[in-house]
PDB file of N, CA and C in Angstrom:
ATOM      1  N   UNK A   1     105.111  94.906  97.026  1.00  0.00           N
ATOM      2  CA  UNK A   1     106.322  94.352  96.475  1.00  0.00           C
ATOM      3  C   UNK A   1     107.165  93.789  97.607  1.00  0.00           C
ATOM      4  N   UNK A   2     107.558  92.559  97.482  1.00  0.00           N
ATOM      5  CA  UNK A   2     108.354  91.920  98.523  1.00  0.00           C
ATOM      6  C   UNK A   2     109.810  92.324  98.410  1.00  0.00           C
ATOM      7  N   UNK A   3     110.450  92.416  99.559  1.00  0.00           N
ATOM      8  CA  UNK A   3     111.878  92.692  99.587  1.00  0.00           C
ATOM      9  C   UNK A   3     112.602  91.367  99.514  1.00  0.00           C
ATOM     10  N   UNK A   4     113.264  91.108  98.412  1.00  0.00           N
ATOM     11  CA  UNK A   4     113.940  89.832  98.230  1.00  0.00           C
ATOM     12  C   UNK A   4     115.313  89.804  98.889  1.00  0.00           C
ATOM     13  N   UNK A   5     115.751  90.933  99.420  1.00  0.00           N
ATOM     14  CA  UNK A   5     117.062  90.984 100.030  1.00  0.00           C
ATOM     15  C   UNK A   5     118.169  91.248  99.019  1.00  0.00           C
ATOM     16  N   UNK A   6     117.823  91.299  97.744  1.00  0.00           N
ATOM     17  CA  UNK A   6     118.807  91.562  96.702  1.00  0.00           C
ATOM     18  C   UNK A   6     118.980  93.068  96.557  1.00  0.00           C
ATOM     19  N   UNK A   7     120.109  93.564  96.956  1.00  0.00           N
ATOM     20  CA  UNK A   7     120.339  95.007  96.932  1.00  0.00           C
ATOM     21  C   UNK A   7     121.208  95.423  95.750  1.00  0.00           C
ATOM     22  N   UNK A   8     121.374  94.550  94.768  1.00  0.00           N
ATOM     23  CA  UNK A   8     122.162  94.885  93.593  1.00  0.00           C
ATOM     24  C   UNK A   8     121.362  95.777  92.661  1.00  0.00           C
ATOM     25  N   UNK A   9     122.080  96.578  91.909  1.00  0.00           N
ATOM     26  CA  UNK A   9     121.465  97.462  90.927  1.00  0.00           C
ATOM     27  C   UNK A   9     121.026  96.628  89.731  1.00  0.00           C
ATOM     28  N   UNK A  10     119.807  96.840  89.277  1.00  0.00           N
ATOM     29  CA  UNK A  10     119.274  96.123  88.123  1.00  0.00           C
ATOM     30  C   UNK A  10     119.374  97.034  86.905  1.00  0.00           C
ATOM     31  N   UNK A  11     120.209  96.660  85.936  1.00  0.00           N
ATOM     32  CA  UNK A  11     120.486  97.509  84.780  1.00  0.00           C
ATOM     33  C   UNK A  11     119.234  97.865  83.986  1.00  0.00           C
ATOM     34  N   UNK A  12     118.267  96.959  83.928  1.00  0.00           N
ATOM     35  CA  UNK A  12     117.088  97.261  83.107  1.00  0.00           C
ATOM     36  C   UNK A  12     116.311  98.459  83.644  1.00  0.00           C
ATOM     37  N   UNK A  13     116.454  98.768  84.923  1.00  0.00           N
ATOM     38  CA  UNK A  13     115.758  99.924  85.493  1.00  0.00           C
ATOM     39  C   UNK A  13     116.678 101.127  85.639  1.00  0.00           C
ATOM     40  N   UNK A  14     117.945 100.920  85.913  1.00  0.00           N
ATOM     41  CA  UNK A  14     118.824 102.054  86.196  1.00  0.00           C
ATOM     42  C   UNK A  14     119.539 102.609  84.977  1.00  0.00           C
ATOM     43  N   UNK A  15     119.619 101.847  83.894  1.00  0.00           N
ATOM     44  CA  UNK A  15     120.321 102.324  82.705  1.00  0.00           C
ATOM     45  C   UNK A  15     119.368 102.643  81.558  1.00  0.00           C
ATOM     46  N   UNK A  16     118.084 102.675  81.826  1.00  0.00           N
ATOM     47  CA  UNK A  16     117.091 103.009  80.812  1.00  0.00           C
ATOM     48  C   UNK A  16     116.277 104.202  81.280  1.00  0.00           C
ATOM     49  N   UNK A  17     115.723 104.922  80.324  1.00  0.00           N
ATOM     50  CA  UNK A  17     114.858 106.048  80.650  1.00  0.00           C
ATOM     51  C   UNK A  17     113.456 105.549  80.931  1.00  0.00           C
ATOM     52  N   UNK A  18     112.993 104.566  80.143  1.00  0.00           N
ATOM     53  CA  UNK A  18     111.653 104.004  80.326  1.00  0.00           C
ATOM     54  C   UNK A  18     111.677 102.533  79.940  1.00  0.00           C
ATOM     55  N   UNK A  19     110.893 101.731  80.655  1.00  0.00           N
ATOM     56  CA  UNK A  19     110.742 100.308  80.364  1.00  0.00           C
ATOM     57  C   UNK A  19     109.266  99.991  80.470  1.00  0.00           C
ATOM     58  N   UNK A  20     108.717  99.292  79.472  1.00  0.00           N
ATOM     59  CA  UNK A  20     107.305  98.932  79.517  1.00  0.00           C
ATOM     60  C   UNK A  20     106.787  98.552  78.152  1.00  0.00           C
ATOM     61  N   UNK A  21     105.475  98.743  77.963  1.00  0.00           N
ATOM     62  CA  UNK A  21     104.915  98.423  76.653  1.00  0.00           C
ATOM     63  C   UNK A  21     105.244  99.538  75.664  1.00  0.00           C
ATOM     64  N   UNK A  22     105.030  99.257  74.390  1.00  0.00           N
ATOM     65  CA  UNK A  22     105.441 100.184  73.337  1.00  0.00           C
ATOM     66  C   UNK A  22     104.776 101.553  73.475  1.00  0.00           C
ATOM     67  N   UNK A  23     103.478 101.587  73.787  1.00  0.00           N
ATOM     68  CA  UNK A  23     102.772 102.867  73.918  1.00  0.00           C
ATOM     69  C   UNK A  23     103.382 103.735  75.020  1.00  0.00           C
ATOM     70  N   UNK A  24     103.687 103.117  76.164  1.00  0.00           N
ATOM     71  CA  UNK A  24     104.273 103.863  77.279  1.00  0.00           C
ATOM     72  C   UNK A  24     105.641 104.432  76.912  1.00  0.00           C
ATOM     73  N   UNK A  25     106.478 103.612  76.299  1.00  0.00           N
ATOM     74  CA  UNK A  25     107.837 104.040  75.966  1.00  0.00           C
ATOM     75  C   UNK A  25     107.816 105.150  74.917  1.00  0.00           C
ATOM     76  N   UNK A  26     106.961 105.025  73.905  1.00  0.00           N
ATOM     77  CA  UNK A  26     106.866 106.064  72.872  1.00  0.00           C
ATOM     78  C   UNK A  26     106.300 107.353  73.460  1.00  0.00           C
ATOM     79  N   UNK A  27     105.333 107.249  74.363  1.00  0.00           N
ATOM     80  CA  UNK A  27     104.781 108.443  75.015  1.00  0.00           C
ATOM     81  C   UNK A  27     105.845 109.135  75.866  1.00  0.00           C
ATOM     82  N   UNK A  28     106.666 108.353  76.556  1.00  0.00           N
ATOM     83  CA  UNK A  28     107.742 108.922  77.362  1.00  0.00           C
ATOM     84  C   UNK A  28     108.753 109.637  76.476  1.00  0.00           C
ATOM     85  N   UNK A  29     109.082 109.031  75.344  1.00  0.00           N
ATOM     86  CA  UNK A  29     110.013 109.657  74.401  1.00  0.00           C
ATOM     87  C   UNK A  29     109.438 110.978  73.884  1.00  0.00           C
ATOM     88  N   UNK A  30     108.142 110.999  73.573  1.00  0.00           N
ATOM     89  CA  UNK A  30     107.497 112.217  73.068  1.00  0.00           C
ATOM     90  C   UNK A  30     107.506 113.320  74.127  1.00  0.00           C
ATOM     91  N   UNK A  31     107.337 112.948  75.399  1.00  0.00           N
ATOM     92  CA  UNK A  31     107.346 113.938  76.479  1.00  0.00           C
ATOM     93  C   UNK A  31     108.713 114.592  76.646  1.00  0.00           C
ATOM     94  N   UNK A  32     109.756 113.922  76.204  1.00  0.00           N
ATOM     95  CA  UNK A  32     111.099 114.488  76.296  1.00  0.00           C
ATOM     96  C   UNK A  32     111.365 115.515  75.198  1.00  0.00           C
ATOM     97  N   UNK A  33     110.470 115.623  74.234  1.00  0.00           N
ATOM     98  CA  UNK A  33     110.603 116.638  73.182  1.00  0.00           C
ATOM     99  C   UNK A  33     111.890 116.491  72.396  1.00  0.00           C
ATOM    100  N   UNK A  34     112.616 117.581  72.253  1.00  0.00           N
ATOM    101  CA  UNK A  34     113.857 117.580  71.472  1.00  0.00           C
ATOM    102  C   UNK A  34     114.912 116.669  72.087  1.00  0.00           C
ATOM    103  N   UNK A  35     114.860 116.474  73.392  1.00  0.00           N
ATOM    104  CA  UNK A  35     115.833 115.598  74.049  1.00  0.00           C
ATOM    105  C   UNK A  35     115.605 114.130  73.691  1.00  0.00           C
ATOM    106  N   UNK A  36     114.419 113.796  73.217  1.00  0.00           N
ATOM    107  CA  UNK A  36     114.112 112.419  72.865  1.00  0.00           C
ATOM    108  C   UNK A  36     114.566 112.020  71.476  1.00  0.00           C
ATOM    109  N   UNK A  37     115.042 112.974  70.695  1.00  0.00           N
ATOM    110  CA  UNK A  37     115.384 112.695  69.300  1.00  0.00           C
ATOM    111  C   UNK A  37     116.474 111.634  69.164  1.00  0.00           C
ATOM    112  N   UNK A  38     117.537 111.710  69.922  1.00  0.00           N
ATOM    113  CA  UNK A  38     118.642 110.767  69.782  1.00  0.00           C
ATOM    114  C   UNK A  38     118.465 109.472  70.545  1.00  0.00           C
ATOM    115  N   UNK A  39     117.366 109.314  71.211  1.00  0.00           N
ATOM    116  CA  UNK A  39     117.157 108.131  72.045  1.00  0.00           C
ATOM    117  C   UNK A  39     116.457 107.039  71.262  1.00  0.00           C
ATOM    118  N   UNK A  40     116.855 105.797  71.498  1.00  0.00           N
ATOM    119  CA  UNK A  40     116.335 104.665  70.738  1.00  0.00           C
ATOM    120  C   UNK A  40     115.295 103.895  71.542  1.00  0.00           C
ATOM    121  N   UNK A  41     114.250 103.444  70.850  1.00  0.00           N
ATOM    122  CA  UNK A  41     113.290 102.509  71.430  1.00  0.00           C
ATOM    123  C   UNK A  41     113.674 101.141  70.897  1.00  0.00           C
ATOM    124  N   UNK A  42     113.978 100.210  71.804  1.00  0.00           N
ATOM    125  CA  UNK A  42     114.352  98.866  71.380  1.00  0.00           C
ATOM    126  C   UNK A  42     113.434  97.849  72.043  1.00  0.00           C
ATOM    127  N   UNK A  43     113.239  96.739  71.361  1.00  0.00           N
ATOM    128  CA  UNK A  43     112.431  95.654  71.918  1.00  0.00           C
ATOM    129  C   UNK A  43     113.368  94.664  72.587  1.00  0.00           C
ATOM    130  N   UNK A  44     112.985  94.209  73.767  1.00  0.00           N
ATOM    131  CA  UNK A  44     113.794  93.233  74.494  1.00  0.00           C
ATOM    132  C   UNK A  44     112.870  92.171  75.076  1.00  0.00           C
ATOM    133  N   UNK A  45     113.449  91.260  75.828  1.00  0.00           N
ATOM    134  CA  UNK A  45     112.645  90.191  76.423  1.00  0.00           C
ATOM    135  C   UNK A  45     111.748  90.682  77.557  1.00  0.00           C
ATOM    136  N   UNK A  46     111.942  91.912  78.029  1.00  0.00           N
ATOM    137  CA  UNK A  46     111.096  92.457  79.097  1.00  0.00           C
ATOM    138  C   UNK A  46     110.090  93.469  78.573  1.00  0.00           C
ATOM    139  N   UNK A  47     110.030  93.656  77.269  1.00  0.00           N
ATOM    140  CA  UNK A  47     109.112  94.624  76.673  1.00  0.00           C
ATOM    141  C   UNK A  47     109.878  95.580  75.782  1.00  0.00           C
ATOM    142  N   UNK A  48     109.598  96.853  75.918  1.00  0.00           N
ATOM    143  CA  UNK A  48     110.295  97.874  75.144  1.00  0.00           C
ATOM    144  C   UNK A  48     111.067  98.771  76.097  1.00  0.00           C
ATOM    145  N   UNK A  49     112.172  99.314  75.597  1.00  0.00           N
ATOM    146  CA  UNK A  49     113.041 100.141  76.424  1.00  0.00           C
ATOM    147  C   UNK A  49     113.405 101.406  75.664  1.00  0.00           C
ATOM    148  N   UNK A  50     113.533 102.492  76.388  1.00  0.00           N
ATOM    149  CA  UNK A  50     114.017 103.748  75.828  1.00  0.00           C
ATOM    150  C   UNK A  50     115.398 103.986  76.410  1.00  0.00           C
ATOM    151  N   UNK A  51     116.388 104.030  75.527  1.00  0.00           N
ATOM    152  CA  UNK A  51     117.772 104.173  75.972  1.00  0.00           C
ATOM    153  C   UNK A  51     118.383 105.439  75.407  1.00  0.00           C
ATOM    154  N   UNK A  52     119.387 105.931  76.106  1.00  0.00           N
ATOM    155  CA  UNK A  52     120.165 107.062  75.607  1.00  0.00           C
ATOM    156  C   UNK A  52     121.315 106.523  74.770  1.00  0.00           C
ATOM    157  N   UNK A  53     121.763 107.297  73.783  1.00  0.00           N
ATOM    158  CA  UNK A  53     122.945 106.854  73.038  1.00  0.00           C
ATOM    159  C   UNK A  53     124.156 106.835  73.960  1.00  0.00           C
ATOM    160  N   UNK A  54     124.973 105.809  73.827  1.00  0.00           N
ATOM    161  CA  UNK A  54     126.158 105.712  74.670  1.00  0.00           C
ATOM    162  C   UNK A  54     127.358 106.233  73.909  1.00  0.00           C
ATOM    163  N   UNK A  55     128.086 107.106  74.547  1.00  0.00           N
ATOM    164  CA  UNK A  55     129.268 107.694  73.941  1.00  0.00           C
ATOM    165  C   UNK A  55     130.465 107.394  74.827  1.00  0.00           C
ATOM    166  N   UNK A  56     131.594 107.065  74.213  1.00  0.00           N
ATOM    167  CA  UNK A  56     132.783 106.826  75.027  1.00  0.00           C
ATOM    168  C   UNK A  56     133.261 108.118  75.671  1.00  0.00           C
ATOM    169  N   UNK A  57     133.885 107.980  76.804  1.00  0.00           N
ATOM    170  CA  UNK A  57     134.414 109.160  77.490  1.00  0.00           C
ATOM    171  C   UNK A  57     135.619 109.683  76.719  1.00  0.00           C
ATOM    172  N   UNK A  58     135.540 110.909  76.317  1.00  0.00           N
ATOM    173  CA  UNK A  58     136.656 111.565  75.639  1.00  0.00           C
ATOM    174  C   UNK A  58     136.834 112.931  76.287  1.00  0.00           C
ATOM    175  N   UNK A  59     138.049 113.268  76.683  1.00  0.00           N
ATOM    176  CA  UNK A  59     138.240 114.596  77.270  1.00  0.00           C
ATOM    177  C   UNK A  59     137.997 115.686  76.234  1.00  0.00           C
ATOM    178  N   UNK A  60     137.490 116.802  76.672  1.00  0.00           N
ATOM    179  CA  UNK A  60     137.194 117.924  75.793  1.00  0.00           C
ATOM    180  C   UNK A  60     138.492 118.605  75.357  1.00  0.00           C
ATOM    181  N   UNK A  61     139.494 118.538  76.184  1.00  0.00           N
ATOM    182  CA  UNK A  61     140.764 119.187  75.894  1.00  0.00           C
ATOM    183  C   UNK A  61     141.865 118.143  75.868  1.00  0.00           C
ATOM    184  N   UNK A  62     142.997 118.490  75.311  1.00  0.00           N
ATOM    185  CA  UNK A  62     144.149 117.598  75.265  1.00  0.00           C
ATOM    186  C   UNK A  62     144.908 117.727  76.582  1.00  0.00           C
ATOM    187  N   UNK A  63     144.838 116.707  77.438  1.00  0.00           N
ATOM    188  CA  UNK A  63     145.537 116.826  78.717  1.00  0.00           C
ATOM    189  C   UNK A  63     147.052 116.832  78.503  1.00  0.00           C
ATOM    190  N   UNK A  64     147.711 117.737  79.161  1.00  0.00           N
ATOM    191  CA  UNK A  64     149.162 117.841  79.041  1.00  0.00           C
ATOM    192  C   UNK A  64     149.770 117.661  80.422  1.00  0.00           C
ATOM    193  N   UNK A  65     150.793 116.854  80.457  1.00  0.00           N
ATOM    194  CA  UNK A  65     151.513 116.656  81.709  1.00  0.00           C
ATOM    195  C   UNK A  65     152.868 117.333  81.586  1.00  0.00           C
ATOM    196  N   UNK A  66     153.266 117.990  82.613  1.00  0.00           N
ATOM    197  CA  UNK A  66     154.560 118.653  82.597  1.00  0.00           C
ATOM    198  C   UNK A  66     155.083 118.799  84.002  1.00  0.00           C
ATOM    199  N   UNK A  67     156.327 119.161  84.118  1.00  0.00           N
ATOM    200  CA  UNK A  67     156.894 119.323  85.463  1.00  0.00           C
ATOM    201  C   UNK A  67     156.307 120.557  86.147  1.00  0.00           C
ATOM    202  N   UNK A  68     156.239 120.489  87.458  1.00  0.00           N
ATOM    203  CA  UNK A  68     155.803 121.652  88.223  1.00  0.00           C
ATOM    204  C   UNK A  68     156.905 122.701  88.198  1.00  0.00           C
ATOM    205  N   UNK A  69     156.515 123.936  88.153  1.00  0.00           N
ATOM    206  CA  UNK A  69     157.521 124.997  88.122  1.00  0.00           C
ATOM    207  C   UNK A  69     157.266 125.969  89.265  1.00  0.00           C
ATOM    208  N   UNK A  70     158.294 126.716  89.686  1.00  0.00           N
ATOM    209  CA  UNK A  70     158.100 127.683  90.770  1.00  0.00           C
ATOM    210  C   UNK A  70     157.195 128.839  90.367  1.00  0.00           C
ATOM    211  N   UNK A  71     156.908 128.997  89.096  1.00  0.00           N
ATOM    212  CA  UNK A  71     156.015 130.063  88.649  1.00  0.00           C
ATOM    213  C   UNK A  71     154.587 129.852  89.150  1.00  0.00           C
ATOM    214  N   UNK A  72     154.270 128.619  89.517  1.00  0.00           N
ATOM    215  CA  UNK A  72     152.928 128.317  90.000  1.00  0.00           C
ATOM    216  C   UNK A  72     152.839 128.376  91.521  1.00  0.00           C
ATOM    217  N   UNK A  73     153.887 128.819  92.181  1.00  0.00           N
ATOM    218  CA  UNK A  73     153.919 128.790  93.643  1.00  0.00           C
ATOM    219  C   UNK A  73     153.797 130.198  94.217  1.00  0.00           C
ATOM    220  N   UNK A  74     153.261 130.274  95.424  1.00  0.00           N
ATOM    221  CA  UNK A  74     153.204 131.526  96.176  1.00  0.00           C
ATOM    222  C   UNK A  74     154.273 131.472  97.252  1.00  0.00           C
ATOM    223  N   UNK A  75     155.001 132.545  97.417  1.00  0.00           N
ATOM    224  CA  UNK A  75     155.988 132.611  98.487  1.00  0.00           C
ATOM    225  C   UNK A  75     155.294 133.113  99.749  1.00  0.00           C
ATOM    226  N   UNK A  76     155.465 132.387 100.826  1.00  0.00           N
ATOM    227  CA  UNK A  76     154.850 132.758 102.096  1.00  0.00           C
ATOM    228  C   UNK A  76     155.878 133.448 102.983  1.00  0.00           C
ATOM    229  N   UNK A  77     155.485 134.513 103.616  1.00  0.00           N
ATOM    230  CA  UNK A  77     156.354 135.220 104.554  1.00  0.00           C
ATOM    231  C   UNK A  77     156.009 134.734 105.960  1.00  0.00           C
ATOM    232  N   UNK A  78     156.801 133.769 106.447  1.00  0.00           N
ATOM    233  CA  UNK A  78     156.539 133.206 107.779  1.00  0.00           C
ATOM    234  C   UNK A  78     157.520 133.667 108.811  1.00  0.00           C
TER     235      UNK A  78
END
């Protein structure tokens, strides 16, 4: 493989679990067992791809902002 000097990340390889022909992608999905259930096999111009479902980032808890209070401080004896 020649080094083209292009050091950019290629999404088709870095954002997919598997890329190739249908048999390869389905076999890869099967090897993932229960983890492969939510993953989609899609056809694209480069063959078939196995992708993970994309979920928006949502915090698990409700972030609360408030003023700092002296109750959170340690008094140092210097």
